[in-house]
Amino acid sequence: MRKALVGLFVVGALCVVGGSSTSCSGGGAGGTGGGSATAGGGSATAGGSAGGMATETADADAGTCTAAMTACTFVDATAADAGRTIEFGTTNPGASVPECLRVKVGQTVRFVTGANHPVVQTCGPKNRKLAAPDSATTNITFGLAGDYAGVCGIHQFPTAIRVEP
């Protein structure tokens, strides 16, 4: 059992730490049980398919985002052709644009992060799902409905994603 836990940690680290580009998806990298991550033009695989996990399940110790969601006006990005990019500390160096985004399960959100603006998750049904290194483009596919909130790991400005079934 201990070996499996170490494998999950390594996959999460590959997703968060990267060169100029990182890709995470449900059932793949991003702490969901194995798969592959691409960083800076190269590629690495850690953990394999972890038993073929195709759907995400909530983490028992994950925090709920009630307080973080009350101040949000969510931009609707649930349509199939909707743009789902969040500029995090780039177009406005001290903000997330948009700050709050609404998507459906299975949709991917692209985070474009500025220098010294890593995204760090503060709450959500899946631990370490909402994470992106600074100075990178990170694609995160949400496989579990719920509210996710995060902040800049250095400056603390917020972002939030509401994932609907």
Protein backbone atom coordinates (compact mmCIF):
# COMPACT_ATOMS: atom_id res chain seq x y z
CA MET A 1 0.00 0.00 0.00
CA ARG A 2 2.79 2.42 0.83
CA LYS A 3 4.32 1.97 -2.59
CA ALA A 4 1.01 2.96 -4.27
CA LEU A 5 0.80 6.15 -2.22
CA VAL A 6 4.32 7.16 -3.23
CA GLY A 7 3.35 6.59 -6.88
CA LEU A 8 0.38 8.95 -6.57
CA PHE A 9 2.57 11.64 -5.03
CA VAL A 10 5.11 11.41 -7.83
CA VAL A 11 2.42 11.79 -10.49
CA GLY A 12 1.07 14.92 -8.74
CA ALA A 13 4.58 16.38 -8.65
CA LEU A 14 5.04 15.78 -12.38
CA CYS A 15 1.83 17.67 -13.05
CA VAL A 16 2.69 20.66 -10.89
CA VAL A 17 6.41 21.03 -11.56
CA GLY A 18 7.28 21.57 -15.20
CA GLY A 19 8.92 23.64 -17.87
CA SER A 20 6.80 25.90 -20.04
CA SER A 21 3.87 23.49 -20.47
CA THR A 22 2.13 20.95 -18.26
CA SER A 23 -0.90 18.83 -19.02
CA CYS A 24 -3.17 17.14 -16.49
CA SER A 25 -6.37 15.21 -16.97
CA GLY A 26 -8.80 13.11 -14.97
CA GLY A 27 -7.56 9.53 -14.91
CA GLY A 28 -4.15 10.71 -16.10
CA ALA A 29 -1.61 12.91 -14.38
CA GLY A 30 -2.61 15.40 -11.71
CA GLY A 31 -2.75 13.13 -8.71
CA THR A 32 -5.63 10.98 -9.96
CA GLY A 33 -3.79 7.72 -10.15
CA GLY A 34 -1.14 7.51 -12.83
CA GLY A 35 -0.74 8.35 -16.47
CA SER A 36 1.53 10.78 -18.22
CA ALA A 37 2.53 14.42 -18.01
CA THR A 38 4.23 16.59 -20.59
CA ALA A 39 6.55 19.33 -19.41
CA GLY A 40 8.73 21.62 -21.49
CA GLY A 41 8.45 19.63 -24.70
CA GLY A 42 9.51 16.32 -23.16
CA SER A 43 7.35 13.62 -21.68
CA ALA A 44 7.33 11.34 -18.68
CA THR A 45 5.09 8.57 -17.47
CA ALA A 46 4.60 7.68 -13.83
CA GLY A 47 2.27 5.21 -12.21
CA GLY A 48 0.80 3.66 -15.36
CA SER A 49 -2.96 3.46 -15.57
CA ALA A 50 -3.47 2.69 -11.85
CA GLY A 51 -5.93 -0.07 -12.56
CA GLY A 52 -7.53 1.79 -15.45
CA MET A 53 -9.19 4.48 -13.30
CA ALA A 54 -11.54 6.21 -15.73
CA THR A 55 -13.56 8.41 -13.36
CA GLU A 56 -12.58 10.54 -10.42
CA THR A 57 -13.91 10.09 -6.92
CA ALA A 58 -13.98 12.65 -4.13
CA ASP A 59 -11.21 12.60 -1.54
CA ALA A 60 -12.59 11.96 1.96
CA ASP A 61 -10.36 14.68 3.46
CA ALA A 62 -11.01 17.31 0.77
CA GLY A 63 -12.33 20.68 1.94
CA THR A 64 -15.57 22.23 0.75
CA CYS A 65 -15.51 25.67 -0.84
CA THR A 66 -18.56 27.40 0.66
CA ALA A 67 -16.88 30.66 1.70
CA ALA A 68 -14.76 30.95 -1.45
CA MET A 69 -17.80 30.69 -3.74
CA THR A 70 -20.08 33.34 -2.23
CA ALA A 71 -18.25 36.31 -3.79
CA CYS A 72 -18.05 34.78 -7.28
CA THR A 73 -19.97 35.70 -10.38
CA PHE A 74 -19.27 32.68 -12.58
CA VAL A 75 -18.59 33.09 -16.29
CA ASP A 76 -20.54 30.36 -18.12
CA ALA A 77 -18.16 28.19 -20.17
CA THR A 78 -20.35 25.08 -20.31
CA ALA A 79 -21.16 25.27 -24.03
CA ALA A 80 -19.21 22.84 -26.22
CA ASP A 81 -17.57 25.68 -28.17
CA ALA A 82 -16.93 27.96 -25.17
CA GLY A 83 -13.45 29.29 -24.48
CA ARG A 84 -12.18 27.95 -21.17
CA THR A 85 -8.92 29.83 -20.59
CA ILE A 86 -8.02 31.57 -17.34
CA GLU A 87 -5.23 34.15 -17.54
CA PHE A 88 -3.70 33.90 -14.06
CA GLY A 89 -1.47 36.86 -13.32
CA THR A 90 -0.82 37.59 -17.01
CA THR A 91 -3.29 40.10 -18.53
CA ASN A 92 -3.69 41.58 -15.04
CA PRO A 93 -0.60 40.77 -12.92
CA GLY A 94 -2.60 40.70 -9.67
CA ALA A 95 -5.74 38.84 -10.73
CA SER A 96 -7.32 35.84 -12.38
CA VAL A 97 -9.21 36.70 -15.60
CA PRO A 98 -11.91 35.53 -15.37
CA GLU A 99 -11.84 35.03 -11.62
CA CYS A 100 -14.66 32.46 -11.58
CA LEU A 101 -15.55 29.99 -14.35
CA ARG A 102 -18.37 27.44 -14.68
CA VAL A 103 -17.76 24.24 -16.69
CA LYS A 104 -19.23 20.74 -17.03
CA VAL A 105 -17.69 17.45 -15.92
CA GLY A 106 -15.24 16.29 -18.58
CA GLN A 107 -14.39 19.78 -19.84
CA THR A 108 -10.85 21.14 -19.80
CA VAL A 109 -9.78 24.52 -18.43
CA ARG A 110 -6.51 26.02 -19.66
CA PHE A 111 -4.55 28.07 -17.12
CA VAL A 112 -1.97 30.48 -18.50
CA THR A 113 0.11 31.54 -15.51
CA GLY A 114 2.46 34.48 -15.26
CA ALA A 115 5.89 34.61 -13.66
CA ASN A 116 5.65 34.10 -9.89
CA HIS A 117 1.93 33.22 -10.10
CA PRO A 118 1.50 29.47 -9.40
CA VAL A 119 -2.07 28.24 -8.82
CA VAL A 120 -2.49 26.45 -5.48
CA GLN A 121 -5.79 24.73 -4.60
CA THR A 122 -7.43 25.79 -1.32
CA CYS A 123 -10.53 23.57 -1.44
CA GLY A 124 -12.51 21.23 -3.67
CA PRO A 125 -13.73 17.65 -3.85
CA LYS A 126 -10.46 16.34 -5.35
CA ASN A 127 -7.22 17.30 -3.57
CA ARG A 128 -4.42 18.83 -5.68
CA LYS A 129 -6.61 18.91 -8.81
CA LEU A 130 -6.50 22.69 -9.26
CA ALA A 131 -2.75 23.27 -9.55
CA ALA A 132 -0.52 24.95 -12.12
CA PRO A 133 3.12 26.07 -11.98
CA ASP A 134 4.08 29.66 -12.71
CA SER A 135 5.11 30.77 -16.23
CA ALA A 136 3.29 27.88 -17.90
CA THR A 137 0.20 26.74 -19.76
CA THR A 138 -1.59 23.96 -17.89
CA ASN A 139 -4.69 22.08 -19.08
CA ILE A 140 -6.85 20.61 -16.32
CA THR A 141 -9.77 18.31 -17.15
CA PHE A 142 -12.35 18.12 -14.38
CA GLY A 143 -13.86 14.66 -13.95
CA LEU A 144 -15.76 15.30 -10.72
CA ALA A 145 -18.57 17.81 -10.12
CA GLY A 146 -18.13 20.36 -7.36
CA ASP A 147 -16.55 23.70 -6.49
CA TYR A 148 -12.78 24.17 -6.65
CA ALA A 149 -10.99 27.27 -5.39
CA GLY A 150 -7.37 28.31 -5.47
CA VAL A 151 -5.04 31.23 -4.97
CA CYS A 152 -1.75 32.49 -6.28
CA GLY A 153 0.76 30.63 -4.14
CA ILE A 154 2.74 33.85 -3.64
CA HIS A 155 0.29 36.78 -3.82
CA GLN A 156 -2.94 35.06 -2.68
CA PHE A 157 -5.29 36.46 -5.37
CA PRO A 158 -8.16 33.99 -5.96
CA THR A 159 -9.64 31.86 -8.71
CA ALA A 160 -12.59 29.45 -8.68
CA ILE A 161 -14.07 26.74 -10.91
CA ARG A 162 -17.61 25.40 -10.54
CA VAL A 163 -17.90 21.99 -12.21
CA GLU A 164 -21.49 20.94 -12.96
CA PRO A 165 -22.68 17.41 -13.78
